[in-house]
């Protein structure tokens, strides 16, 4: 499935770059992160997903089904939480993937079989994304 992407509303051409990455590689790396563990613990629900999370995924499922453009996710390397889910802004692990915005849309696209996505990343991390996630620079 091919998806058209729009720039994230917070994308800044001075600071950020657009790269195309392998979605399975990206989400595989994220699922082992402290951020993912925290998201899972906050969303623990008897049905497995909160109503809010289900609504977000449903929103993106509908956009994909209708062929509508999807706003890029914002991702970066480095984590803002430690293993106890405390703020760790000065203890950043540069090998860990963080999804700043876009977790539900990326999860839905992965479930729908999308292989490659455009994401907004810090310009200083483009080479790392190319090396780790099969990224291609797609824009400034």
Foldseek 3Di string as FASTA:
>chain_A
DDAAEDEAPPFDPVWKFKKKFFLVLQVVLQCPDLVVVVVQVVQDDPVSGDPVLVVLLVVLLVCVVVRHYYYAWEKAAWDQADNVGDGDPVPTDRHGMDTPDDPSNSVSCVVVPDTMDMHMYTPVCPVVRCVRTVMDTDGD
